[in-house]
Amino acid sequence: MMRRNFLKNLTGQALAMSATGNAYAFGEKKDGTNYTASKSNNERIIKIGNRTLEEIRDIFSVELYEKTIPLWKNNGVDWKYGAYWTRDNVNEKYEVVSTDKGLYDQARVLWLFSCFYNYFDPDEFNLRAAKAGFDFLSKYFVDDEYNWFHSVERDGRPIIKNFSSSAVIFAILGLGEYFKASGNEEALHLAVKTAHRFTEIILTPSYTEGTTGGQAEPGTPFQGTWLHFLSSLTPLLRYTKEPKLEMIALMCVRNLLQHHYQPDLGYAYEILQPDFTPHKKDDYLQTYYARSVSPFHSIQAAWMIMDEALRVGNTGMFTDGMNFFGRNLLERFWVDRNGEQGLIGHFWPDRPDYLETKINSPYVMKEVFVTCLYALEHTHEKWAAEWFDRAFSYSYGKPLDWPYRDTLHQPRGLMLSIRCLDRMIEREGKVSNFFS
């Protein structure tokens, strides 16, 4: 009954697009081809829990085509000056509260329109909307040395010129996807050069701006930096051959798997000391985040490492990302409390009451879905099916109050999940040949 009510307004066109679409992109090999069905394993997964793969895919499709994308098509593009109206500019009633434009969300909406055009709906509107973002960002947000500004006024005049690490990563992500959509070589050049410039900055001993609001010593390694940077490099490297970027992506994976993750503890620290060792317990000099664990960042790291492993064909990398940042994390940091479920926001190993910390926002569930589906698609691991069903049943039993105006996690989680389910359906439920 829930599925029938949820799908009653879905157009046939939307379902057809999600089922056929263009090239898969997410989960591809380095050469752009897709993994096929295993010839040595005839086991099939037709359902996850009580729902068929098609039913789950259709529910995600409704959310993408009927809830998320229309918000951006109808209200998101600033056609007069360029770029977008984001959460910084308008409230939930779409009343203008500020005309300043911040790189963080502007770059993410560039990615959203470009990615949707590339793999779901190659409509001229989506390409024009992406171009509106690219033209504005490339003209006003970056200088000749590939340093990106934090924010500008509506007409492009700079407000804050300081470097913003997370926003720059999203600029690389958006530029790569726009190059795929448009073939614009300037976008590719800007993405590659920005990636190199970003690498220079984050490896300097004076770097402090990671993912904890600057509350760290100079030279601090941030888990969030490596995983988000990796997520922008993996798709970019599917579109271009850049040996130096290959090594940068490898650096990101190595830092996550061999430095931040602690095999004897079963979790990854969010920040490390400048020499890449964990902060010591009872160190009176340590800062607030010194020994913290971010389940939100770690669950993202899981599928991002897995996606990079699929691109380069490395099964060991896939397995470690899946187990270290995926399965271990879910089994340890998922809570069911007072009718609410999900991953806790932060964990401090030196605080016994960590399970009482706030549960992450609903959009984190999208990261759980992608991690479990990647694992299920390529391994048929029983735990992946169980955790996906648990998270999905809880999320759509109500359903949760999804943040449809979110510029990355919500739409990205939907698009990756749909593509993953499409591949599983195309293989008739058989595991991929990645491990064989």
Protein backbone atom coordinates (compact mmCIF):
# COMPACT_ATOMS: atom_id res chain seq x y z
CA MET A 1 0.00 0.00 0.00
CA MET A 2 2.82 2.41 0.89
CA ARG A 3 4.50 1.92 -2.47
CA ARG A 4 1.26 2.34 -4.43
CA ASN A 5 0.46 5.63 -2.69
CA PHE A 6 4.02 6.84 -3.03
CA LEU A 7 4.11 6.13 -6.76
CA LYS A 8 0.65 7.31 -7.76
CA ASN A 9 1.90 10.60 -9.21
CA LEU A 10 5.03 9.24 -10.88
CA THR A 11 5.07 9.69 -14.64
CA GLY A 12 5.90 6.78 -16.90
CA GLN A 13 8.63 8.89 -18.44
CA ALA A 14 10.48 9.20 -15.14
CA LEU A 15 10.49 5.46 -14.56
CA ALA A 16 11.66 4.82 -18.09
CA MET A 17 14.54 7.25 -17.67
CA SER A 18 15.72 5.72 -14.43
CA ALA A 19 15.61 2.25 -15.90
CA THR A 20 17.41 2.98 -19.14
CA GLY A 21 19.27 6.28 -19.04
CA ASN A 22 22.76 6.82 -20.43
CA ALA A 23 26.05 5.22 -19.46
CA TYR A 24 26.19 4.27 -15.80
CA ALA A 25 29.18 6.47 -14.78
CA PHE A 26 28.98 5.56 -11.09
CA GLY A 27 30.69 2.23 -10.46
CA GLU A 28 32.39 1.99 -13.84
CA LYS A 29 35.84 0.68 -14.69
CA LYS A 30 38.64 3.05 -15.60
CA ASP A 31 37.95 2.61 -19.32
CA GLY A 32 34.31 3.60 -18.89
CA THR A 33 32.86 0.13 -19.32
CA ASN A 34 30.63 -1.53 -16.76
CA TYR A 35 31.09 -4.76 -14.80
CA THR A 36 28.99 -7.64 -16.08
CA ALA A 37 27.22 -10.48 -14.30
CA SER A 38 29.41 -13.16 -12.76
CA LYS A 39 29.53 -16.41 -14.74
CA SER A 40 30.64 -18.47 -11.73
CA ASN A 41 27.92 -17.49 -9.26
CA ASN A 42 24.29 -18.11 -10.21
CA GLU A 43 22.79 -16.83 -6.95
CA ARG A 44 20.28 -14.05 -7.59
CA ILE A 45 18.97 -11.23 -5.43
CA ILE A 46 15.49 -10.28 -6.57
CA LYS A 47 14.36 -8.65 -3.33
CA ILE A 48 15.89 -6.78 -0.43
CA GLY A 49 13.68 -7.50 2.53
CA ASN A 50 10.08 -7.55 1.31
CA ARG A 51 10.64 -5.22 -1.65
CA THR A 52 11.82 -6.06 -5.13
CA LEU A 53 14.76 -4.20 -6.63
CA GLU A 54 12.33 -2.51 -9.02
CA GLU A 55 10.09 -1.33 -6.19
CA ILE A 56 13.00 0.22 -4.34
CA ARG A 57 14.34 1.81 -7.51
CA ASP A 58 10.92 3.27 -8.31
CA ILE A 59 10.58 4.84 -4.86
CA PHE A 60 13.95 6.53 -5.27
CA SER A 61 12.92 7.66 -8.76
CA VAL A 62 9.80 9.36 -7.44
CA GLU A 63 11.87 11.25 -4.94
CA LEU A 64 14.39 12.36 -7.55
CA TYR A 65 12.04 13.26 -10.41
CA GLU A 66 9.01 14.47 -8.50
CA LYS A 67 10.48 16.00 -5.33
CA THR A 68 14.12 16.99 -5.69
CA ILE A 69 14.78 18.09 -9.27
CA PRO A 70 11.60 20.22 -9.71
CA LEU A 71 12.71 22.48 -6.85
CA TRP A 72 15.85 23.37 -8.75
CA LYS A 73 14.24 23.57 -12.17
CA ASN A 74 11.45 25.85 -10.97
CA ASN A 75 13.30 28.06 -8.52
CA GLY A 76 17.03 27.38 -8.61
CA VAL A 77 18.53 29.28 -11.56
CA ASP A 78 19.34 32.99 -11.53
CA TRP A 79 18.85 33.55 -15.25
CA LYS A 80 19.46 37.31 -15.00
CA TYR A 81 22.93 37.31 -13.44
CA GLY A 82 23.96 33.66 -13.65
CA ALA A 83 24.51 30.84 -11.16
CA TYR A 84 21.87 29.80 -8.64
CA TRP A 85 19.44 30.66 -5.87
CA THR A 86 20.41 28.32 -3.01
CA ARG A 87 19.63 27.94 0.67
CA ASP A 88 21.81 30.99 1.30
CA ASN A 89 19.61 33.15 -0.91
CA VAL A 90 16.00 32.12 -0.38
CA ASN A 91 13.96 30.66 2.46
CA GLU A 92 11.58 27.71 2.20
CA LYS A 93 8.92 30.01 0.72
CA TYR A 94 11.46 31.12 -1.90
CA GLU A 95 11.55 34.63 -0.56
CA VAL A 96 14.92 36.30 -1.17
CA VAL A 97 16.92 36.73 2.04
CA SER A 98 20.34 37.42 0.51
CA THR A 99 21.74 37.98 -2.98
CA ASP A 100 25.32 37.00 -2.06
CA LYS A 101 26.52 33.77 -3.63
CA GLY A 102 28.74 31.30 -1.80
CA LEU A 103 30.95 28.84 -3.68
CA TYR A 104 29.98 25.93 -1.42
CA ASP A 105 26.42 25.52 -2.70
CA GLN A 106 26.91 27.19 -6.09
CA ALA A 107 29.44 24.53 -7.08
CA ARG A 108 27.21 21.74 -5.83
CA VAL A 109 24.24 22.91 -7.90
CA LEU A 110 26.52 23.07 -10.95
CA TRP A 111 27.28 19.42 -10.25
CA LEU A 112 23.59 18.59 -9.72
CA PHE A 113 22.37 19.93 -13.08
CA SER A 114 25.38 18.54 -14.95
CA CYS A 115 25.10 15.08 -13.43
CA PHE A 116 21.35 14.90 -13.92
CA TYR A 117 21.83 15.90 -17.56
CA ASN A 118 24.59 13.33 -18.10
CA TYR A 119 22.94 10.25 -16.63
CA PHE A 120 19.22 10.81 -16.17
CA ASP A 121 17.66 13.48 -18.38
CA PRO A 122 19.67 14.93 -21.32
CA ASP A 123 17.20 17.78 -21.63
CA GLU A 124 18.35 21.12 -23.03
CA PHE A 125 17.08 22.93 -19.92
CA ASN A 126 19.45 20.97 -17.67
CA LEU A 127 22.43 21.79 -19.88
CA ARG A 128 21.51 25.50 -19.99
CA ALA A 129 21.12 25.52 -16.21
CA ALA A 130 24.54 23.91 -15.82
CA LYS A 131 26.06 26.45 -18.21
CA ALA A 132 24.60 29.29 -16.15
CA GLY A 133 26.58 28.00 -13.20
CA PHE A 134 29.80 27.29 -15.07
CA ASP A 135 29.91 30.66 -16.80
CA PHE A 136 29.40 32.51 -13.51
CA LEU A 137 31.83 30.43 -11.44
CA SER A 138 34.62 30.43 -14.01
CA LYS A 139 34.31 34.20 -14.51
CA TYR A 140 33.95 35.46 -10.95
CA PHE A 141 35.00 32.83 -8.40
CA VAL A 142 38.57 31.94 -9.40
CA ASP A 143 41.76 33.92 -10.05
CA ASP A 144 44.60 33.30 -12.49
CA GLU A 145 46.45 31.08 -9.97
CA TYR A 146 43.43 28.81 -9.46
CA ASN A 147 42.59 30.16 -6.03
CA TRP A 148 38.83 30.12 -5.47
CA PHE A 149 36.89 32.79 -3.61
CA HIS A 150 34.53 32.02 -0.78
CA SER A 151 31.66 34.28 -1.89
CA VAL A 152 30.72 37.04 -4.32
CA GLU A 153 27.85 39.44 -4.78
CA ARG A 154 25.01 38.63 -7.17
CA ASP A 155 26.73 40.44 -10.02
CA GLY A 156 30.08 38.75 -9.35
CA ARG A 157 31.93 41.35 -7.29
CA PRO A 158 34.03 39.48 -4.70
CA ILE A 159 33.07 39.67 -1.03
CA ILE A 160 35.35 37.15 0.66
CA LYS A 161 38.46 35.99 -1.18
CA ASN A 162 39.80 33.53 1.37
CA PHE A 163 40.31 29.93 0.34
CA SER A 164 37.51 27.50 1.21
CA SER A 165 38.60 23.88 1.08
CA SER A 166 35.27 22.04 1.01
CA ALA A 167 33.86 24.46 -1.52
CA VAL A 168 36.88 24.04 -3.82
CA ILE A 169 36.40 20.26 -3.77
CA PHE A 170 32.82 20.73 -4.92
CA ALA A 171 34.04 23.08 -7.64
CA ILE A 172 36.25 20.27 -8.98
CA LEU A 173 33.31 17.88 -8.78
CA GLY A 174 30.99 20.25 -10.64
CA LEU A 175 33.56 21.20 -13.28
CA GLY A 176 34.30 17.57 -14.09
CA GLU A 177 30.64 16.76 -14.53
CA TYR A 178 30.05 19.88 -16.61
CA PHE A 179 32.92 18.89 -18.91
CA LYS A 180 31.22 15.52 -19.40
CA ALA A 181 27.93 17.27 -20.18
CA SER A 182 29.21 19.99 -22.49
CA GLY A 183 32.59 18.90 -23.81
CA ASN A 184 33.90 22.31 -22.70
CA GLU A 185 37.69 21.92 -22.52
CA GLU A 186 37.98 25.01 -20.34
CA ALA A 187 35.96 23.24 -17.66
CA LEU A 188 38.28 20.22 -17.78
CA HIS A 189 41.39 22.41 -17.69
CA LEU A 190 40.02 24.36 -14.72
CA ALA A 191 39.10 21.16 -12.86
CA VAL A 192 42.55 19.63 -13.32
CA LYS A 193 44.46 22.78 -12.46
CA THR A 194 42.29 23.38 -9.41
CA ALA A 195 42.92 19.83 -8.21
CA HIS A 196 46.67 20.37 -8.43
CA ARG A 197 46.43 23.74 -6.68
CA PHE A 198 44.25 22.24 -3.97
CA THR A 199 46.80 19.47 -3.39
CA GLU A 200 49.55 22.04 -2.90
CA ILE A 201 47.49 23.88 -0.32
CA ILE A 202 46.33 20.94 1.80
CA LEU A 203 49.85 19.50 2.01
CA THR A 204 51.46 22.67 3.32
CA PRO A 205 52.43 22.69 7.02
CA SER A 206 50.30 25.79 7.56
CA TYR A 207 47.04 24.24 6.35
CA THR A 208 44.30 24.37 9.00
CA GLU A 209 40.97 24.63 7.19
CA GLY A 210 39.61 21.10 6.95
CA THR A 211 36.20 19.95 8.07
CA THR A 212 36.12 21.07 11.71
CA GLY A 213 35.74 24.80 11.31
CA GLY A 214 39.47 25.50 11.53
CA GLN A 215 39.70 24.19 15.10
CA ALA A 216 42.93 22.32 14.51
CA GLU A 217 46.66 22.89 14.51
CA PRO A 218 48.48 23.81 11.29
CA GLY A 219 49.30 20.76 9.21
CA THR A 220 46.45 18.69 10.65
CA PRO A 221 45.24 15.84 8.38
CA PHE A 222 41.43 15.77 8.08
CA GLN A 223 39.51 12.64 7.18
CA GLY A 224 36.83 14.80 5.57
CA THR A 225 39.36 16.42 3.25
CA TRP A 226 40.63 13.10 1.85
CA LEU A 227 37.21 11.53 1.30
CA HIS A 228 35.60 14.57 -0.33
CA PHE A 229 38.65 15.18 -2.51
CA LEU A 230 38.59 11.53 -3.56
CA SER A 231 34.90 11.81 -4.45
CA SER A 232 35.71 14.61 -6.90
CA LEU A 233 38.75 12.85 -8.41
CA THR A 234 37.15 9.46 -9.10
CA PRO A 235 34.53 10.71 -11.61
CA LEU A 236 37.00 13.21 -13.11
CA LEU A 237 39.45 10.39 -13.79
CA ARG A 238 36.72 8.50 -15.61
CA TYR A 239 36.55 11.42 -18.05
CA THR A 240 40.25 12.16 -18.53
CA LYS A 241 43.64 10.48 -18.22
CA GLU A 242 45.83 12.43 -15.82
CA PRO A 243 48.61 10.32 -14.23
CA LYS A 244 49.34 12.93 -11.56
CA LEU A 245 45.71 12.97 -10.49
CA GLU A 246 45.81 9.17 -10.27
CA MET A 247 48.54 9.49 -7.63
CA ILE A 248 46.60 12.14 -5.75
CA ALA A 249 43.56 9.85 -5.62
CA LEU A 250 45.79 7.04 -4.34
CA MET A 251 47.13 9.36 -1.64
CA CYS A 252 43.56 10.06 -0.48
CA VAL A 253 42.75 6.36 -0.24
CA ARG A 254 46.00 5.55 1.55
CA ASN A 255 45.46 8.30 4.11
CA LEU A 256 41.98 7.01 4.86
CA LEU A 257 42.76 3.29 5.02
CA GLN A 258 46.25 3.31 6.46
CA HIS A 259 46.31 6.38 8.68
CA HIS A 260 42.88 7.56 9.85
CA TYR A 261 41.43 4.06 10.21
CA GLN A 262 42.63 2.24 13.32
CA PRO A 263 42.41 -1.55 12.75
CA ASP A 264 42.86 -2.38 16.43
CA LEU A 265 39.94 -0.11 17.34
CA GLY A 266 37.64 -0.60 14.35
CA TYR A 267 37.02 3.05 13.55
CA ALA A 268 38.69 6.08 11.96
CA TYR A 269 39.71 9.26 13.74
CA GLU A 270 38.47 12.46 12.14
CA ILE A 271 41.77 14.30 12.59
CA LEU A 272 45.33 13.18 13.26
CA GLN A 273 48.51 14.83 14.43
CA PRO A 274 50.65 16.44 11.71
CA ASP A 275 52.81 13.28 11.60
CA PHE A 276 49.65 11.23 10.79
CA THR A 277 49.51 9.51 14.18
CA PRO A 278 46.44 9.64 16.45
CA HIS A 279 46.25 12.13 19.27
CA LYS A 280 47.09 10.58 22.62
CA LYS A 281 44.58 9.97 25.35
CA ASP A 282 44.66 12.38 28.30
CA ASP A 283 46.76 14.90 26.41
CA TYR A 284 45.86 18.21 28.06
CA LEU A 285 46.79 20.06 24.85
CA GLN A 286 44.30 18.28 22.62
CA THR A 287 41.43 20.17 20.98
CA TYR A 288 37.72 19.35 20.89
CA TYR A 289 37.92 17.15 17.78
CA ALA A 290 41.33 15.61 18.52
CA ARG A 291 40.06 12.09 19.29
CA SER A 292 36.65 12.26 17.68
CA VAL A 293 35.09 9.87 15.18
CA SER A 294 32.59 11.10 12.58
CA PRO A 295 30.26 8.28 11.51
CA PHE A 296 28.87 10.64 8.85
CA HIS A 297 32.25 11.10 7.21
CA SER A 298 33.21 7.47 7.64
CA ILE A 299 30.09 6.08 5.95
CA GLN A 300 30.79 8.39 3.02
CA ALA A 301 34.39 7.21 2.93
CA ALA A 302 33.12 3.63 2.59
CA TRP A 303 31.38 4.00 -0.76
CA MET A 304 33.87 6.57 -2.05
CA ILE A 305 36.74 4.12 -1.52
CA MET A 306 34.62 1.36 -3.05
CA ASP A 307 33.85 3.51 -6.10
CA GLU A 308 37.53 4.31 -6.60
CA ALA A 309 38.32 0.59 -6.21
CA LEU A 310 35.80 -0.21 -8.95
CA ARG A 311 37.40 2.38 -11.19
CA VAL A 312 40.93 1.02 -10.80
CA GLY A 313 39.94 -2.65 -10.40
CA ASN A 314 41.37 -3.15 -6.90
CA THR A 315 39.40 -5.76 -4.95
CA GLY A 316 41.47 -5.37 -1.78
CA MET A 317 40.71 -1.66 -1.68
CA PHE A 318 37.02 -2.37 -2.19
CA THR A 319 36.91 -4.95 0.61
CA ASP A 320 38.69 -2.74 3.11
CA GLY A 321 36.52 0.28 2.33
CA MET A 322 33.39 -1.86 2.56
CA ASN A 323 34.29 -3.49 5.88
CA PHE A 324 36.35 -0.86 7.71
CA PHE A 325 34.22 2.19 6.95
CA GLY A 326 30.95 0.43 6.16
CA ARG A 327 30.05 -2.71 8.04
CA ASN A 328 32.11 -1.96 11.17
CA LEU A 329 30.65 1.52 11.37
CA LEU A 330 27.03 0.44 11.05
CA GLU A 331 27.38 -2.30 13.62
CA ARG A 332 29.00 0.00 16.14
CA PHE A 333 27.42 3.44 15.73
CA TRP A 334 23.83 2.79 14.66
CA VAL A 335 21.34 3.48 17.43
CA ASP A 336 17.62 2.88 17.87
CA ARG A 337 16.46 5.37 20.48
CA ASN A 338 12.99 6.67 21.40
CA GLY A 339 11.55 5.75 18.01
CA GLU A 340 14.44 7.36 16.12
CA GLN A 341 17.17 5.45 14.29
CA GLY A 342 20.40 6.28 12.53
CA LEU A 343 24.11 6.89 12.92
CA ILE A 344 25.19 9.05 15.83
CA GLY A 345 26.78 12.39 14.98
CA HIS A 346 30.09 12.01 16.84
CA PHE A 347 31.90 9.48 18.98
CA TRP A 348 34.65 10.14 21.49
CA PRO A 349 36.32 6.90 22.70
CA ASP A 350 37.13 8.53 26.03
CA ARG A 351 33.47 9.34 26.77
CA PRO A 352 31.29 6.41 27.92
CA ASP A 353 28.04 8.21 27.07
CA TYR A 354 28.76 8.57 23.35
CA LEU A 355 25.66 6.66 22.27
CA GLU A 356 23.57 9.47 23.73
CA THR A 357 24.91 12.02 21.25
CA LYS A 358 22.60 13.42 18.60
CA ILE A 359 21.60 11.21 15.66
CA ASN A 360 22.70 12.47 12.25
CA SER A 361 20.30 14.34 9.96
CA PRO A 362 18.09 12.24 7.63
CA TYR A 363 20.19 12.87 4.52
CA VAL A 364 22.96 10.72 6.03
CA MET A 365 20.68 7.75 5.30
CA LYS A 366 21.43 8.29 1.61
CA GLU A 367 25.10 7.55 2.31
CA VAL A 368 24.06 4.35 4.11
CA PHE A 369 21.97 3.28 1.12
CA VAL A 370 24.82 3.77 -1.35
CA THR A 371 27.35 1.93 0.81
CA CYS A 372 25.05 -1.07 1.29
CA LEU A 373 24.00 -1.19 -2.36
CA TYR A 374 27.60 -1.07 -3.61
CA ALA A 375 28.45 -3.93 -1.26
CA LEU A 376 25.38 -5.91 -2.27
CA GLU A 377 25.89 -5.38 -5.98
CA HIS A 378 29.44 -6.69 -6.01
CA THR A 379 29.55 -9.19 -3.13
CA HIS A 380 25.98 -10.30 -2.23
CA GLU A 381 27.04 -10.01 1.42
CA LYS A 382 24.10 -10.84 3.67
CA TRP A 383 24.89 -8.04 6.12
CA ALA A 384 24.60 -5.46 3.33
CA ALA A 385 21.07 -6.59 2.49
CA GLU A 386 20.06 -6.62 6.15
CA TRP A 387 21.41 -3.14 6.84
CA PHE A 388 19.94 -1.67 3.69
CA ASP A 389 16.53 -3.11 4.50
CA ARG A 390 16.72 -1.84 8.06
CA ALA A 391 17.70 1.69 7.03
CA PHE A 392 15.29 1.81 4.08
CA SER A 393 12.30 0.42 6.01
CA TYR A 394 12.81 2.93 8.78
CA SER A 395 13.40 5.84 6.38
CA TYR A 396 10.37 5.25 4.18
CA GLY A 397 8.02 3.81 6.74
CA LYS A 398 7.17 7.36 7.82
CA PRO A 399 8.86 8.61 5.53
CA LEU A 400 11.56 10.84 6.98
CA ASP A 401 11.51 14.57 6.46
CA TRP A 402 13.98 14.58 3.57
CA PRO A 403 15.83 17.85 2.90
CA TYR A 404 14.90 18.21 -0.76
CA ARG A 405 16.72 21.55 -1.00
CA ASP A 406 20.02 19.92 -0.05
CA THR A 407 22.50 20.49 -2.87
CA LEU A 408 24.56 17.29 -2.66
CA HIS A 409 23.84 14.41 -0.29
CA GLN A 410 20.15 14.06 -1.05
CA PRO A 411 20.34 14.18 -4.89
CA ARG A 412 23.65 12.30 -5.06
CA GLY A 413 22.39 9.51 -2.82
CA LEU A 414 19.32 9.12 -4.98
CA MET A 415 21.23 9.11 -8.27
CA LEU A 416 23.89 6.66 -7.11
CA SER A 417 21.28 4.34 -5.58
CA ILE A 418 19.14 4.35 -8.70
CA ARG A 419 22.12 3.58 -10.91
CA CYS A 420 23.26 0.78 -8.64
CA LEU A 421 19.79 -0.78 -8.64
CA ASP A 422 19.57 -0.38 -12.42
CA ARG A 423 22.76 -2.41 -12.81
CA MET A 424 21.54 -5.10 -10.43
CA ILE A 425 18.25 -5.35 -12.32
CA GLU A 426 20.04 -5.47 -15.66
CA ARG A 427 22.14 -8.40 -14.36
CA GLU A 428 18.89 -10.08 -13.23
CA GLY A 429 20.05 -9.99 -9.62
CA LYS A 430 23.34 -11.77 -10.18
CA VAL A 431 26.49 -10.53 -8.46
CA SER A 432 28.93 -8.60 -10.66
CA ASN A 433 32.11 -10.13 -12.01
CA PHE A 434 34.30 -7.60 -10.15
CA PHE A 435 35.78 -10.21 -7.80
CA SER A 436 35.94 -12.92 -10.43
